[in-house]
Amino acid sequence: MLNVYADFCEQVLAIPVIRGKKTDKEKFAGAEATYTIEALMHDGKALQSGTSHNFGDGFAKAFGIQYTDKDNTLKYVHQTYWGMTTRLIGAVIMVHGDDSGLVLPPLVAPVQVMIVPVRQKAEGVLEKAFEIKDQLSQFRVKVDDSDKSPGWKFSECEMRGIPLRIEIGPKDIEEGKCVLVRRDTREKIECPLDQMETMIAELLEKIQKDMLEHARNHREQHTYTAQTMEEFENIFAEKTGFVKAMWCGDRACEDAIKEKLSVSSRCMPFEQEHITDTCICCGKPAVKMVYWGKAY
């Protein structure tokens, strides 16, 4: 399930995640093991974005949950527990949003394309806007036919995070074109009316990929490596993000780091790296590389 969650975050929500295992201190109370995906928000804080827990038979024994096995004996069930929550709505906002409002990945945007008629009271403009809407029926499309000014409508589209807007006015109709505007980059692209379906499909796919890449670049630019405790402390004093450092496996070191820096171990990634041979905190032989960070 953890890989299902990770794929959903990356491929649908355009949020890159680190896959790994929680330490005993951070795992679900009573579980044998907790596996997690960790994402980095735009402000440099970490967010636990989905978990999968191996309960073993501990909870079954506590609550008397048994089954009759094929050898006709009662045995305790082994349980798992996994889930994602509505915190991912917040994650989409915090990873992709900007000062103008939401920036939504096309795959989850309620409205993928907003058509904004310019000078909509001019003859044929509003009619053309709705004709385009019908033409683009394979996408989630709306026409903003309100009485607001075009500038107000453009701002509204940006605030709501609509991935793509179409601007069309009398001159555009006369020239057989429209203007496509990307929400993520604000780029304006002239588009022949007879090529709209193809261009919009390509653009929405590109926006989805570019948003993931942009978020991944942000995470990489805010992921640091520490070899000494002094370096570790300086990074958290001056910067925000993930810090990769080695750990001996002793909870006392985790507690000391949390007490001193308000930093927690986010996960022991499945893809381990060797940074040094010693623990960042105590100097004893290290057993795991850990992602550390300040979290919500």
Protein backbone atom coordinates (compact mmCIF):
# COMPACT_ATOMS: atom_id res chain seq x y z
CA MET A 1 0.00 0.00 0.00
CA LEU A 2 2.86 2.37 0.71
CA ASN A 3 3.90 2.25 -2.94
CA VAL A 4 0.28 2.89 -3.98
CA TYR A 5 0.28 5.99 -1.79
CA ALA A 6 3.65 7.15 -3.10
CA ASP A 7 2.58 6.68 -6.71
CA PHE A 8 -0.64 8.61 -6.05
CA CYS A 9 1.24 11.51 -4.45
CA GLU A 10 3.80 11.72 -7.22
CA GLN A 11 1.80 10.86 -10.32
CA VAL A 12 -1.52 12.49 -9.41
CA LEU A 13 -0.81 15.19 -6.80
CA ALA A 14 2.66 16.02 -8.22
CA ILE A 15 4.17 15.79 -4.71
CA PRO A 16 7.52 13.95 -4.51
CA VAL A 17 7.93 11.75 -1.44
CA ILE A 18 10.62 9.86 0.45
CA ARG A 19 9.71 6.21 1.13
CA GLY A 20 11.05 4.62 4.27
CA LYS A 21 10.58 3.09 7.69
CA LYS A 22 9.89 4.94 10.93
CA THR A 23 12.19 4.52 13.91
CA ASP A 24 10.78 2.79 17.00
CA LYS A 25 10.32 6.21 18.61
CA GLU A 26 8.22 7.51 15.71
CA LYS A 27 6.28 4.36 14.77
CA PHE A 28 2.61 3.79 15.60
CA ALA A 29 2.26 2.86 19.28
CA GLY A 30 1.91 -0.91 19.58
CA ALA A 31 2.92 -1.64 15.99
CA GLU A 32 5.80 -3.89 15.07
CA ALA A 33 6.79 -1.53 12.27
CA THR A 34 5.55 1.63 10.55
CA TYR A 35 6.36 2.54 6.97
CA THR A 36 5.91 6.09 5.73
CA ILE A 37 6.08 8.52 2.85
CA GLU A 38 7.47 11.94 3.78
CA ALA A 39 6.98 15.11 1.74
CA LEU A 40 8.60 18.52 2.06
CA MET A 41 6.36 21.56 2.10
CA HIS A 42 7.27 24.87 0.49
CA ASP A 43 8.25 26.37 3.86
CA GLY A 44 10.77 23.59 4.47
CA LYS A 45 8.74 21.61 6.99
CA ALA A 46 8.10 17.90 6.58
CA LEU A 47 4.68 16.30 6.35
CA GLN A 48 3.99 12.62 7.00
CA SER A 49 1.78 11.98 3.99
CA GLY A 50 0.76 8.34 4.30
CA THR A 51 1.59 5.36 6.49
CA SER A 52 1.34 1.59 6.54
CA HIS A 53 1.58 -0.23 9.87
CA ASN A 54 2.40 -3.85 10.63
CA PHE A 55 0.53 -4.70 13.85
CA GLY A 56 1.55 -8.36 13.99
CA ASP A 57 -0.80 -10.16 16.39
CA GLY A 58 -0.36 -7.77 19.32
CA PHE A 59 -3.71 -5.99 19.00
CA ALA A 60 -5.45 -9.27 18.21
CA LYS A 61 -4.25 -10.71 21.50
CA ALA A 62 -5.30 -7.56 23.37
CA PHE A 63 -8.83 -7.67 21.96
CA GLY A 64 -9.26 -11.42 21.52
CA ILE A 65 -9.52 -11.44 17.72
CA GLN A 66 -9.11 -15.04 16.59
CA TYR A 67 -9.92 -17.35 13.70
CA THR A 68 -10.12 -21.10 13.24
CA ASP A 69 -7.17 -22.30 11.19
CA LYS A 70 -7.27 -25.20 8.72
CA ASP A 71 -5.95 -27.47 11.48
CA ASN A 72 -9.11 -26.59 13.49
CA THR A 73 -7.25 -24.59 16.17
CA LEU A 74 -7.87 -21.00 17.25
CA LYS A 75 -5.16 -18.56 16.26
CA TYR A 76 -4.74 -14.81 16.56
CA VAL A 77 -5.02 -12.78 13.40
CA HIS A 78 -2.15 -10.66 12.10
CA GLN A 79 -3.26 -7.14 11.24
CA THR A 80 -2.16 -4.22 9.14
CA TYR A 81 -3.40 -0.66 9.23
CA TRP A 82 -2.81 1.93 6.57
CA GLY A 83 -4.25 5.22 5.47
CA MET A 84 -4.00 8.65 3.93
CA THR A 85 -5.97 11.60 5.28
CA THR A 86 -7.35 14.96 4.25
CA ARG A 87 -3.99 16.44 5.25
CA LEU A 88 -3.05 15.81 1.62
CA ILE A 89 -5.39 18.64 0.66
CA GLY A 90 -3.19 20.86 2.77
CA ALA A 91 -0.11 19.30 1.20
CA VAL A 92 -1.27 20.23 -2.31
CA ILE A 93 -1.81 23.81 -1.14
CA MET A 94 1.52 24.05 0.69
CA VAL A 95 3.66 22.35 -1.96
CA HIS A 96 2.29 24.09 -5.07
CA GLY A 97 0.52 27.28 -3.96
CA ASP A 98 1.98 30.77 -4.39
CA ASP A 99 1.17 34.35 -3.37
CA SER A 100 -1.66 34.50 -5.92
CA GLY A 101 -3.49 31.45 -4.57
CA LEU A 102 -3.81 27.78 -5.41
CA VAL A 103 -1.88 25.96 -8.12
CA LEU A 104 -3.66 22.67 -8.77
CA PRO A 105 -2.29 19.67 -10.68
CA PRO A 106 -4.47 19.08 -13.77
CA LEU A 107 -5.31 15.49 -12.77
CA VAL A 108 -7.15 16.63 -9.61
CA ALA A 109 -8.29 20.12 -10.58
CA PRO A 110 -12.13 20.32 -10.48
CA VAL A 111 -11.89 22.72 -13.43
CA GLN A 112 -8.98 22.06 -15.76
CA VAL A 113 -9.72 24.80 -18.27
CA MET A 114 -11.54 28.12 -17.77
CA ILE A 115 -12.67 30.02 -20.84
CA VAL A 116 -12.63 33.78 -20.29
CA PRO A 117 -14.43 35.75 -23.03
CA VAL A 118 -12.87 39.20 -23.50
CA ARG A 119 -15.38 41.91 -24.42
CA GLN A 120 -18.04 39.26 -24.07
CA LYS A 121 -20.84 41.67 -25.01
CA ALA A 122 -19.34 42.03 -28.47
CA GLU A 123 -21.24 40.10 -31.11
CA GLY A 124 -20.44 36.39 -31.23
CA VAL A 125 -17.85 36.32 -28.39
CA LEU A 126 -19.94 34.59 -25.73
CA GLU A 127 -21.41 32.23 -28.31
CA LYS A 128 -17.89 31.29 -29.43
CA ALA A 129 -16.83 30.68 -25.82
CA PHE A 130 -19.62 28.15 -25.30
CA GLU A 131 -18.90 26.59 -28.68
CA ILE A 132 -15.30 26.04 -27.55
CA LYS A 133 -16.56 24.57 -24.28
CA ASP A 134 -18.60 21.99 -26.20
CA GLN A 135 -15.62 21.28 -28.42
CA LEU A 136 -13.45 20.53 -25.36
CA SER A 137 -15.88 18.09 -23.74
CA GLN A 138 -13.10 15.59 -22.93
CA PHE A 139 -11.74 18.06 -20.37
CA ARG A 140 -13.32 19.62 -17.26
CA VAL A 141 -14.16 23.04 -18.73
CA LYS A 142 -16.17 26.06 -17.66
CA VAL A 143 -16.97 29.45 -19.18
CA ASP A 144 -16.77 32.52 -16.95
CA ASP A 145 -19.71 34.49 -18.32
CA SER A 146 -20.09 36.68 -15.24
CA ASP A 147 -20.33 40.47 -15.52
CA LYS A 148 -16.90 40.95 -13.92
CA SER A 149 -14.03 42.55 -15.83
CA PRO A 150 -11.55 40.31 -17.69
CA GLY A 151 -8.81 41.28 -15.22
CA TRP A 152 -10.98 40.23 -12.28
CA LYS A 153 -11.71 36.92 -14.00
CA PHE A 154 -8.02 36.29 -14.68
CA SER A 155 -7.22 36.89 -11.00
CA GLU A 156 -10.08 34.61 -9.95
CA CYS A 157 -8.72 31.81 -12.16
CA GLU A 158 -5.29 32.20 -10.59
CA MET A 159 -6.62 32.26 -7.03
CA ARG A 160 -8.59 29.06 -7.65
CA GLY A 161 -5.55 27.36 -9.19
CA ILE A 162 -7.19 26.46 -12.51
CA PRO A 163 -4.34 24.91 -14.54
CA LEU A 164 -5.17 26.52 -17.88
CA ARG A 165 -7.30 29.42 -19.04
CA ILE A 166 -8.39 30.39 -22.52
CA GLU A 167 -8.64 34.06 -23.38
CA ILE A 168 -10.70 34.84 -26.46
CA GLY A 169 -12.05 38.12 -27.83
CA PRO A 170 -13.34 39.58 -31.10
CA LYS A 171 -9.88 39.99 -32.66
CA ASP A 172 -8.92 36.43 -31.69
CA ILE A 173 -12.07 35.06 -33.33
CA GLU A 174 -11.37 37.09 -36.44
CA GLU A 175 -7.83 35.69 -36.63
CA GLY A 176 -8.93 32.13 -35.81
CA LYS A 177 -6.91 31.83 -32.61
CA CYS A 178 -7.05 32.12 -28.82
CA VAL A 179 -4.54 32.61 -26.04
CA LEU A 180 -3.76 29.80 -23.56
CA VAL A 181 -2.34 30.81 -20.17
CA ARG A 182 -0.65 28.34 -17.83
CA ARG A 183 -1.32 28.82 -14.12
CA ASP A 184 1.97 27.33 -12.97
CA THR A 185 4.30 29.51 -15.07
CA ARG A 186 1.92 32.30 -16.26
CA GLU A 187 3.20 31.58 -19.78
CA LYS A 188 0.92 32.80 -22.59
CA ILE A 189 0.68 30.70 -25.74
CA GLU A 190 -1.14 31.55 -28.96
CA CYS A 191 -3.21 28.63 -30.18
CA PRO A 192 -5.03 28.20 -33.51
CA LEU A 193 -8.67 27.37 -32.82
CA ASP A 194 -8.47 24.26 -34.98
CA GLN A 195 -5.58 22.89 -32.88
CA MET A 196 -7.00 23.54 -29.42
CA GLU A 197 -7.84 20.00 -28.40
CA THR A 198 -4.38 18.69 -29.21
CA MET A 199 -2.52 21.63 -27.68
CA ILE A 200 -4.58 21.65 -24.49
CA ALA A 201 -4.11 17.91 -23.98
CA GLU A 202 -0.34 18.31 -24.41
CA LEU A 203 -0.20 21.35 -22.16
CA LEU A 204 -2.14 19.74 -19.32
CA GLU A 205 0.17 16.73 -19.44
CA LYS A 206 3.22 19.01 -19.45
CA ILE A 207 1.89 21.10 -16.54
CA GLN A 208 1.38 17.91 -14.51
CA LYS A 209 4.95 16.76 -15.16
CA ASP A 210 6.48 20.21 -14.67
CA MET A 211 4.74 20.67 -11.32
CA LEU A 212 6.22 17.41 -10.03
CA GLU A 213 9.65 18.36 -11.32
CA HIS A 214 9.41 21.83 -9.77
CA ALA A 215 8.45 20.35 -6.40
CA ARG A 216 11.22 17.75 -6.66
CA ASN A 217 13.80 20.46 -7.44
CA HIS A 218 12.61 22.45 -4.43
CA ARG A 219 13.03 19.40 -2.21
CA GLU A 220 16.51 18.66 -3.55
CA GLN A 221 17.57 22.29 -3.06
CA HIS A 222 16.41 22.05 0.56
CA THR A 223 17.93 18.67 1.39
CA TYR A 224 21.31 18.80 3.10
CA THR A 225 23.91 16.36 4.39
CA ALA A 226 25.58 16.62 7.79
CA GLN A 227 28.65 14.70 8.95
CA THR A 228 29.14 16.30 12.37
CA MET A 229 26.79 17.51 15.10
CA GLU A 230 28.07 21.06 14.68
CA GLU A 231 27.23 20.98 10.99
CA PHE A 232 23.85 19.40 11.79
CA GLU A 233 22.99 22.16 14.28
CA ASN A 234 24.14 24.96 11.95
CA ILE A 235 21.97 23.72 9.10
CA PHE A 236 18.83 23.71 11.24
CA ALA A 237 19.74 27.09 12.73
CA GLU A 238 20.13 28.75 9.34
CA LYS A 239 18.02 26.76 6.87
CA THR A 240 14.83 24.77 6.48
CA GLY A 241 14.35 21.37 4.90
CA PHE A 242 15.57 17.79 5.26
CA VAL A 243 18.96 16.86 6.64
CA LYS A 244 20.47 13.47 5.92
CA ALA A 245 22.67 12.15 8.73
CA MET A 246 23.78 8.85 10.20
CA TRP A 247 22.28 7.35 13.37
CA CYS A 248 23.38 4.62 15.77
CA GLY A 249 19.88 3.27 16.40
CA ASP A 250 19.75 4.41 20.04
CA ARG A 251 16.56 6.23 21.04
CA ALA A 252 18.55 8.36 23.47
CA CYS A 253 20.17 10.12 20.51
CA GLU A 254 16.78 10.79 18.93
CA ASP A 255 15.50 12.20 22.21
CA ALA A 256 18.57 14.40 22.60
CA ILE A 257 18.22 15.81 19.09
CA LYS A 258 14.50 16.45 19.60
CA GLU A 259 15.13 18.15 22.94
CA LYS A 260 17.90 20.39 21.63
CA LEU A 261 16.70 21.26 18.11
CA SER A 262 12.97 20.41 18.00
CA VAL A 263 13.87 18.09 15.12
CA SER A 264 12.53 14.57 14.62
CA SER A 265 13.59 11.60 12.55
CA ARG A 266 11.28 11.54 9.54
CA CYS A 267 12.23 8.12 8.19
CA MET A 268 14.99 5.66 7.46
CA PRO A 269 14.76 5.64 3.65
CA PHE A 270 14.64 2.34 1.82
CA GLU A 271 17.38 3.71 -0.44
CA GLN A 272 20.19 4.05 2.07
CA GLU A 273 23.28 6.22 1.59
CA HIS A 274 26.58 5.99 3.45
CA ILE A 275 27.62 9.40 4.75
CA THR A 276 29.95 8.55 7.65
CA ASP A 277 30.61 5.53 9.85
CA THR A 278 29.48 7.23 13.06
CA CYS A 279 26.26 8.53 14.59
CA ILE A 280 25.68 12.26 14.19
CA CYS A 281 24.84 12.58 17.89
CA CYS A 282 26.98 10.24 19.98
CA GLY A 283 29.82 9.18 17.67
CA LYS A 284 29.11 5.47 18.06
CA PRO A 285 29.02 3.19 14.98
CA ALA A 286 26.08 4.14 12.76
CA VAL A 287 23.48 1.65 11.56
CA LYS A 288 21.15 3.77 9.40
CA MET A 289 21.03 6.97 7.39
CA VAL A 290 18.04 9.01 8.49
CA TYR A 291 16.13 11.96 7.09
CA TRP A 292 15.67 14.53 9.87
CA GLY A 293 13.43 17.58 9.82
CA LYS A 294 10.99 19.86 11.54
CA ALA A 295 7.47 18.65 10.92
CA TYR A 296 3.84 19.66 11.20
